[in-house]
Structures are given as C-alpha cells and as structure tokens.
N, C-alpha and C. Protein backbone atom coordinates (compact mmCIF):
# COMPACT_ATOMS: atom_id res chain seq x y z
N MET A 1 -31.95 59.34 -25.42
CA MET A 1 -32.32 59.65 -26.61
C MET A 1 -31.53 60.93 -26.78
N ILE A 2 -30.33 60.86 -27.79
CA ILE A 2 -28.78 61.76 -27.42
C ILE A 2 -29.44 63.02 -28.63
N LEU A 3 -28.68 64.17 -27.52
CA LEU A 3 -29.15 64.81 -28.81
C LEU A 3 -28.08 65.85 -28.92
N ASP A 4 -27.50 66.87 -29.39
CA ASP A 4 -26.99 67.64 -29.85
C ASP A 4 -26.62 68.42 -29.23
N ASN A 5 -25.44 69.19 -29.04
CA ASN A 5 -25.13 70.50 -27.47
C ASN A 5 -25.41 71.22 -27.97
N LEU A 6 -26.56 71.79 -28.18
CA LEU A 6 -27.42 72.94 -29.11
C LEU A 6 -27.47 74.23 -27.18
N LYS A 7 -26.87 75.02 -27.69
CA LYS A 7 -26.63 75.54 -25.74
C LYS A 7 -27.90 76.00 -25.26
N SER A 8 -28.90 76.08 -26.24
CA SER A 8 -30.45 76.04 -26.09
C SER A 8 -31.05 75.32 -25.62
N GLY A 9 -29.74 73.91 -25.36
CA GLY A 9 -30.95 72.71 -24.23
C GLY A 9 -30.31 72.25 -24.04
N VAL A 10 -29.28 71.99 -24.09
CA VAL A 10 -28.52 70.85 -23.10
C VAL A 10 -27.20 72.15 -22.28
N LEU A 11 -27.96 72.82 -21.56
CA LEU A 11 -26.65 73.50 -20.62
C LEU A 11 -25.16 73.35 -19.93
N LYS A 12 -25.63 72.49 -19.67
CA LYS A 12 -24.10 72.17 -19.79
C LYS A 12 -23.34 70.23 -19.96
N ALA A 13 -23.18 69.80 -20.37
CA ALA A 13 -22.37 68.52 -21.49
C ALA A 13 -21.61 67.52 -21.08
N ASP A 14 -22.51 66.67 -19.61
CA ASP A 14 -21.05 66.33 -18.68
C ASP A 14 -21.45 64.77 -18.42
N LEU A 15 -20.77 63.93 -18.58
CA LEU A 15 -21.15 63.03 -18.90
C LEU A 15 -21.70 62.32 -17.65
N TYR A 16 -21.47 62.53 -16.46
CA TYR A 16 -22.00 62.13 -15.02
C TYR A 16 -23.56 63.30 -14.39
N ASP A 17 -23.18 64.08 -14.81
CA ASP A 17 -23.88 65.03 -14.48
C ASP A 17 -24.53 66.65 -15.66
N PRO A 18 -24.69 66.51 -16.17
CA PRO A 18 -25.75 67.22 -17.66
C PRO A 18 -26.48 67.76 -16.89
N ARG A 19 -26.89 68.97 -17.62
CA ARG A 19 -27.78 70.24 -16.95
C ARG A 19 -28.69 70.41 -18.05
N PHE A 20 -29.68 70.62 -18.76
CA PHE A 20 -30.60 70.99 -20.08
C PHE A 20 -31.53 71.93 -19.38
N ASN A 21 -32.18 72.64 -20.35
CA ASN A 21 -32.86 73.49 -20.67
C ASN A 21 -34.35 73.28 -19.84
N LYS A 22 -34.84 73.72 -19.06
CA LYS A 22 -36.82 73.22 -18.28
C LYS A 22 -37.95 72.38 -19.41
N GLY A 23 -37.42 73.51 -20.74
CA GLY A 23 -38.66 72.65 -21.85
C GLY A 23 -38.02 70.93 -21.93
N TYR A 24 -36.73 71.38 -22.34
CA TYR A 24 -36.38 69.57 -22.39
C TYR A 24 -36.86 68.58 -21.29
N GLU A 25 -36.69 68.75 -20.37
CA GLU A 25 -35.94 68.54 -19.02
C GLU A 25 -37.73 67.93 -19.13
N GLU A 26 -38.67 68.83 -18.98
CA GLU A 26 -40.01 68.38 -18.93
C GLU A 26 -40.24 68.08 -20.17
N LEU A 27 -40.38 67.98 -21.50
CA LEU A 27 -40.65 67.13 -22.25
C LEU A 27 -40.12 66.00 -21.63
N ALA A 28 -38.96 65.35 -21.94
CA ALA A 28 -38.03 64.07 -21.48
C ALA A 28 -39.35 63.17 -20.74
N HIS A 29 -39.43 64.17 -19.38
CA HIS A 29 -40.60 63.93 -19.06
C HIS A 29 -42.04 62.65 -18.65
N HIS A 30 -42.08 63.88 -19.32
CA HIS A 30 -43.62 64.11 -20.12
C HIS A 30 -44.27 62.85 -20.45
N TYR A 31 -42.82 61.90 -21.79
CA TYR A 31 -42.98 60.99 -21.55
C TYR A 31 -42.06 59.59 -21.86
N HIS A 32 -40.90 60.18 -20.37
CA HIS A 32 -40.40 58.92 -20.51
C HIS A 32 -39.62 58.23 -21.02
N ILE A 33 -38.50 59.38 -21.75
CA ILE A 33 -37.46 59.79 -22.40
C ILE A 33 -36.01 59.84 -21.38
N LEU A 34 -35.19 59.03 -21.75
CA LEU A 34 -34.00 59.38 -20.70
C LEU A 34 -33.08 59.86 -21.89
N LEU A 35 -32.64 61.77 -21.74
CA LEU A 35 -31.83 62.75 -22.46
C LEU A 35 -30.32 62.30 -22.11
N ASP A 36 -29.64 61.94 -23.24
CA ASP A 36 -27.99 62.18 -23.11
C ASP A 36 -27.35 62.74 -23.73
N PRO A 37 -26.65 63.93 -23.98
CA PRO A 37 -26.30 64.78 -24.77
C PRO A 37 -25.13 63.80 -25.28
N ALA A 38 -24.68 63.97 -26.64
CA ALA A 38 -24.31 63.97 -27.20
C ALA A 38 -22.45 64.15 -26.66
N ARG A 39 -21.31 63.65 -26.73
CA ARG A 39 -19.91 63.57 -26.55
C ARG A 39 -19.41 64.62 -26.86
N LEU A 40 -18.75 65.80 -26.45
CA LEU A 40 -18.26 66.74 -27.18
C LEU A 40 -16.88 66.17 -28.14
N GLY A 41 -17.29 66.53 -29.51
CA GLY A 41 -15.75 66.26 -29.97
C GLY A 41 -16.18 64.77 -30.63
N HIS A 42 -17.57 63.73 -30.52
CA HIS A 42 -17.13 62.97 -30.97
C HIS A 42 -18.41 62.53 -32.17
N ALA A 43 -18.68 63.04 -33.21
CA ALA A 43 -19.19 62.82 -34.25
C ALA A 43 -20.11 61.50 -34.33
N LYS A 44 -19.33 60.68 -34.64
CA LYS A 44 -19.82 59.26 -34.50
C LYS A 44 -21.33 59.10 -33.55
N ASP A 45 -21.52 60.02 -32.55
CA ASP A 45 -22.62 59.02 -31.62
C ASP A 45 -23.85 59.63 -32.10
N LYS A 46 -23.40 60.58 -32.90
CA LYS A 46 -25.14 60.47 -33.63
C LYS A 46 -25.19 60.84 -35.16
N PRO A 47 -24.39 59.80 -35.38
CA PRO A 47 -24.02 59.49 -37.06
C PRO A 47 -25.72 60.20 -38.07
N ARG A 48 -26.87 58.85 -37.91
CA ARG A 48 -28.11 58.06 -37.86
C ARG A 48 -28.98 60.08 -38.38
N VAL A 49 -28.26 60.69 -36.98
CA VAL A 49 -29.23 62.18 -37.47
C VAL A 49 -28.92 62.54 -38.10
N GLU A 50 -27.48 63.02 -38.54
CA GLU A 50 -26.71 63.60 -38.99
C GLU A 50 -27.07 63.76 -40.71
N ARG A 51 -26.74 62.18 -41.03
CA ARG A 51 -26.61 61.75 -41.86
C ARG A 51 -27.87 61.67 -43.02
N ILE A 52 -29.48 62.54 -42.42
CA ILE A 52 -30.88 62.13 -43.06
C ILE A 52 -30.23 64.29 -43.76
N ILE A 53 -29.67 64.93 -43.07
CA ILE A 53 -29.89 66.21 -43.53
C ILE A 53 -29.61 66.51 -45.15
N PRO A 54 -28.46 65.57 -45.41
CA PRO A 54 -28.21 65.66 -47.40
C PRO A 54 -29.28 65.88 -47.67
N TYR A 55 -29.89 63.91 -47.36
CA TYR A 55 -31.01 63.64 -48.28
C TYR A 55 -32.06 64.49 -48.06
N ILE A 56 -32.52 64.76 -47.05
CA ILE A 56 -33.44 65.90 -47.11
C ILE A 56 -32.85 67.15 -48.34
N ARG A 57 -31.92 67.34 -48.17
CA ARG A 57 -31.58 68.88 -48.84
C ARG A 57 -31.99 68.52 -50.03
N ASP A 58 -31.09 67.50 -50.64
CA ASP A 58 -30.81 66.63 -52.15
C ASP A 58 -32.63 66.18 -52.90
N SER A 59 -33.84 65.55 -51.05
CA SER A 59 -34.47 65.00 -52.09
C SER A 59 -35.77 65.57 -52.18
N PHE A 60 -36.18 66.28 -51.01
CA PHE A 60 -37.65 67.16 -51.21
C PHE A 60 -37.28 68.86 -51.74
N TRP A 61 -35.85 69.50 -51.08
CA TRP A 61 -35.67 70.60 -50.90
C TRP A 61 -35.19 71.35 -52.89
N ALA A 62 -34.88 70.75 -53.33
CA ALA A 62 -33.72 70.42 -54.14
C ALA A 62 -34.95 70.92 -55.35
N GLY A 63 -34.58 72.38 -56.40
CA GLY A 63 -34.97 71.87 -57.50
C GLY A 63 -36.52 72.82 -57.09
N ARG A 64 -36.94 72.55 -55.80
CA ARG A 64 -38.39 73.26 -55.27
C ARG A 64 -38.15 74.92 -55.50
N THR A 65 -39.58 75.75 -55.09
CA THR A 65 -39.61 76.53 -55.26
C THR A 65 -40.71 77.01 -54.16
N PHE A 66 -40.77 77.53 -52.79
CA PHE A 66 -42.40 77.75 -52.27
C PHE A 66 -42.64 78.60 -52.59
N GLN A 67 -44.14 79.17 -53.00
CA GLN A 67 -44.79 80.38 -51.74
C GLN A 67 -45.07 80.96 -50.59
N SER A 68 -44.89 80.02 -49.95
CA SER A 68 -45.55 79.60 -48.74
C SER A 68 -45.00 79.11 -47.48
N PRO A 69 -45.00 79.30 -46.30
CA PRO A 69 -44.75 78.21 -45.22
C PRO A 69 -45.78 77.38 -44.91
N GLU A 70 -46.57 77.96 -45.44
CA GLU A 70 -48.65 76.70 -45.75
C GLU A 70 -47.82 75.55 -46.15
N GLU A 71 -47.26 76.13 -47.45
CA GLU A 71 -47.38 75.49 -48.59
C GLU A 71 -46.22 74.41 -48.57
N ILE A 72 -44.73 74.62 -47.86
CA ILE A 72 -43.73 73.89 -47.11
C ILE A 72 -44.45 72.73 -46.47
N ASN A 73 -44.98 73.05 -45.85
CA ASN A 73 -45.31 71.96 -44.74
C ASN A 73 -46.52 71.47 -45.73
N ARG A 74 -47.16 71.14 -46.07
CA ARG A 74 -47.85 71.05 -46.51
C ARG A 74 -47.47 69.29 -47.66
N GLU A 75 -46.53 70.67 -48.59
CA GLU A 75 -45.58 69.40 -49.52
C GLU A 75 -44.78 68.49 -48.57
N LEU A 76 -44.24 69.28 -47.49
CA LEU A 76 -43.42 67.81 -46.93
C LEU A 76 -43.92 67.14 -45.92
N LEU A 77 -45.35 66.86 -45.68
CA LEU A 77 -45.95 66.07 -45.21
C LEU A 77 -45.89 64.84 -46.24
N SER A 78 -46.68 65.58 -47.12
CA SER A 78 -46.94 64.49 -48.72
C SER A 78 -45.75 63.53 -48.46
N TRP A 79 -44.65 64.23 -49.26
CA TRP A 79 -43.03 63.68 -49.24
C TRP A 79 -42.80 63.12 -48.30
N CYS A 80 -42.66 63.25 -46.43
CA CYS A 80 -42.68 62.43 -45.54
C CYS A 80 -43.22 60.84 -46.01
N LEU A 81 -44.81 61.42 -46.46
CA LEU A 81 -45.65 59.54 -46.13
C LEU A 81 -45.22 58.98 -47.46
N LYS A 82 -45.30 59.74 -49.20
CA LYS A 82 -45.19 58.88 -50.08
C LYS A 82 -44.00 58.51 -50.59
N VAL A 83 -42.52 59.05 -49.63
CA VAL A 83 -40.94 59.12 -50.03
C VAL A 83 -39.99 59.15 -48.98
N ALA A 84 -39.42 59.65 -48.42
CA ALA A 84 -39.03 59.40 -46.97
C ALA A 84 -39.22 58.27 -46.10
N GLY A 85 -40.65 58.36 -45.87
CA GLY A 85 -40.79 57.17 -45.09
C GLY A 85 -41.28 56.17 -45.46
N ARG A 86 -41.11 55.69 -46.52
CA ARG A 86 -41.56 54.54 -47.29
C ARG A 86 -39.90 54.27 -47.70
N ARG A 87 -38.79 54.65 -47.88
CA ARG A 87 -37.36 54.13 -48.56
C ARG A 87 -37.05 53.34 -47.43
N ILE A 88 -36.25 52.24 -47.71
CA ILE A 88 -35.45 51.05 -46.94
C ILE A 88 -34.30 51.96 -46.64
N HIS A 89 -34.24 51.17 -45.45
CA HIS A 89 -33.38 51.87 -44.16
C HIS A 89 -32.72 50.57 -43.66
N VAL A 90 -31.92 50.47 -43.51
CA VAL A 90 -30.82 49.57 -42.52
C VAL A 90 -31.39 49.32 -40.71
N LEU A 91 -32.77 49.06 -41.43
CA LEU A 91 -33.63 48.47 -40.07
C LEU A 91 -33.92 47.14 -40.31
N PRO A 92 -34.14 46.07 -39.27
CA PRO A 92 -34.40 45.17 -39.43
C PRO A 92 -36.15 45.44 -39.83
N ASP A 93 -36.40 45.74 -40.20
CA ASP A 93 -37.99 45.44 -40.22
C ASP A 93 -37.59 46.02 -41.92
N GLY A 94 -36.45 47.00 -42.60
CA GLY A 94 -36.95 47.42 -43.36
C GLY A 94 -37.26 48.46 -44.05
N SER A 95 -38.49 49.60 -43.94
CA SER A 95 -38.67 50.20 -44.25
C SER A 95 -38.94 51.89 -42.66
N LEU A 96 -38.41 52.73 -42.27
CA LEU A 96 -39.02 53.38 -41.39
C LEU A 96 -40.64 53.22 -40.91
N TRP A 97 -41.38 53.47 -42.45
CA TRP A 97 -42.47 53.28 -42.35
C TRP A 97 -43.52 52.01 -41.63
N LYS A 98 -42.45 51.18 -41.76
CA LYS A 98 -43.00 49.88 -41.06
C LYS A 98 -42.77 49.81 -39.75
N LEU A 99 -41.24 50.30 -38.85
CA LEU A 99 -41.13 50.64 -37.70
C LEU A 99 -41.86 51.26 -37.01
N LEU A 100 -42.31 52.66 -37.83
CA LEU A 100 -43.12 52.95 -36.97
C LEU A 100 -44.49 52.78 -36.66
N GLU A 101 -45.32 52.17 -37.83
CA GLU A 101 -46.69 51.82 -37.93
C GLU A 101 -46.58 50.27 -36.88
N LYS A 102 -45.42 49.91 -36.57
CA LYS A 102 -45.17 48.85 -35.36
C LYS A 102 -45.05 49.54 -34.20
N GLN A 103 -44.44 50.77 -34.01
CA GLN A 103 -44.17 51.39 -32.32
C GLN A 103 -45.01 51.97 -32.34
N SER A 104 -46.22 52.40 -33.05
CA SER A 104 -47.08 53.56 -33.32
C SER A 104 -47.94 53.37 -31.49
N LYS A 105 -48.80 51.46 -31.33
CA LYS A 105 -48.83 51.36 -30.43
C LYS A 105 -48.12 51.69 -29.08
N TRP A 106 -46.39 51.09 -29.12
CA TRP A 106 -45.92 51.81 -27.83
C TRP A 106 -45.34 52.87 -27.50
N HIS A 107 -46.24 53.91 -28.87
CA HIS A 107 -46.53 55.58 -28.04
C HIS A 107 -47.11 55.95 -27.94
N TYR A 108 -48.19 55.24 -28.26
CA TYR A 108 -49.65 55.80 -27.56
C TYR A 108 -49.85 55.79 -26.75
N SER A 109 -48.95 54.55 -25.72
CA SER A 109 -49.85 53.78 -24.51
C SER A 109 -48.60 55.37 -23.44
N LEU A 110 -47.58 54.77 -23.84
CA LEU A 110 -46.68 56.18 -23.84
C LEU A 110 -47.47 57.03 -23.42
N TYR A 111 -47.82 57.91 -24.75
CA TYR A 111 -48.32 59.19 -24.52
C TYR A 111 -49.81 58.99 -22.90
N ARG A 112 -50.06 57.77 -23.13
CA ARG A 112 -51.58 57.46 -22.57
C ARG A 112 -51.77 57.31 -20.55
N ARG A 113 -49.88 56.64 -20.71
CA ARG A 113 -49.96 56.96 -18.97
C ARG A 113 -49.51 58.40 -18.21
N SER A 114 -48.79 59.44 -19.76
CA SER A 114 -48.45 60.91 -19.84
C SER A 114 -49.86 61.58 -19.28
N LEU A 115 -50.88 60.89 -19.36
CA LEU A 115 -51.74 62.15 -18.53
C LEU A 115 -51.84 61.94 -17.33
C-alpha cells in the first residue's frame, strides 16, 4: 500500500529503510500488507488516491448541509453504495463495486488468517 508521507504515519520516508508509526506497522502486519511510503516530490506515485478527493467534494458534499456527524455518516454510506461504488472506472471489471464484490472472499480469507 502506497502511503502519503503524513508525519503522524510515516516517521521516516526512506527508499530502503522506511520508519512507520507503530499503529501503521501493527495494522499492516495484521492484514499482511506491505507499506511503501510515496517518494517525496513525486505526486504521480499516488494519483488514483488523490483523484478521488475532487469527486467526493463535487458529488457528495456540493449543495448539502448536515445537522450532525451521524447524519453525515448515514448519508455518506448511502452515497457510497448507490453512487460512488457503482460508477464505472478504468478497471478490468468496470465498476469498483464489482471489483470489491469479487475480492471480498480474498479479503475475508486474509482476515480469518490474521485471527
């Protein structure tokens, strides 16, 4: 997983010997994920992650007001399932939702192995 170099998560971004926050390392170990900090000054290392921010801002937040964090979470979950998860991506299977459904068995098996 390529991480942004947020100081609270990546203590030392080094190509050969990166240092991570203890919580990041424990989570990665638990789910058998390799952490790889993005190279400093190389924005193209993480374009797909960054590209989603304007989409969320324009598609979910634009023109909406909320009364509580609970309402935001409820509406966001609905939006993720009905709008964002169903949009077509440049992926072999088309939509992100289809990809997640296909990979859910694999993710569940990783979770079971970590217990």
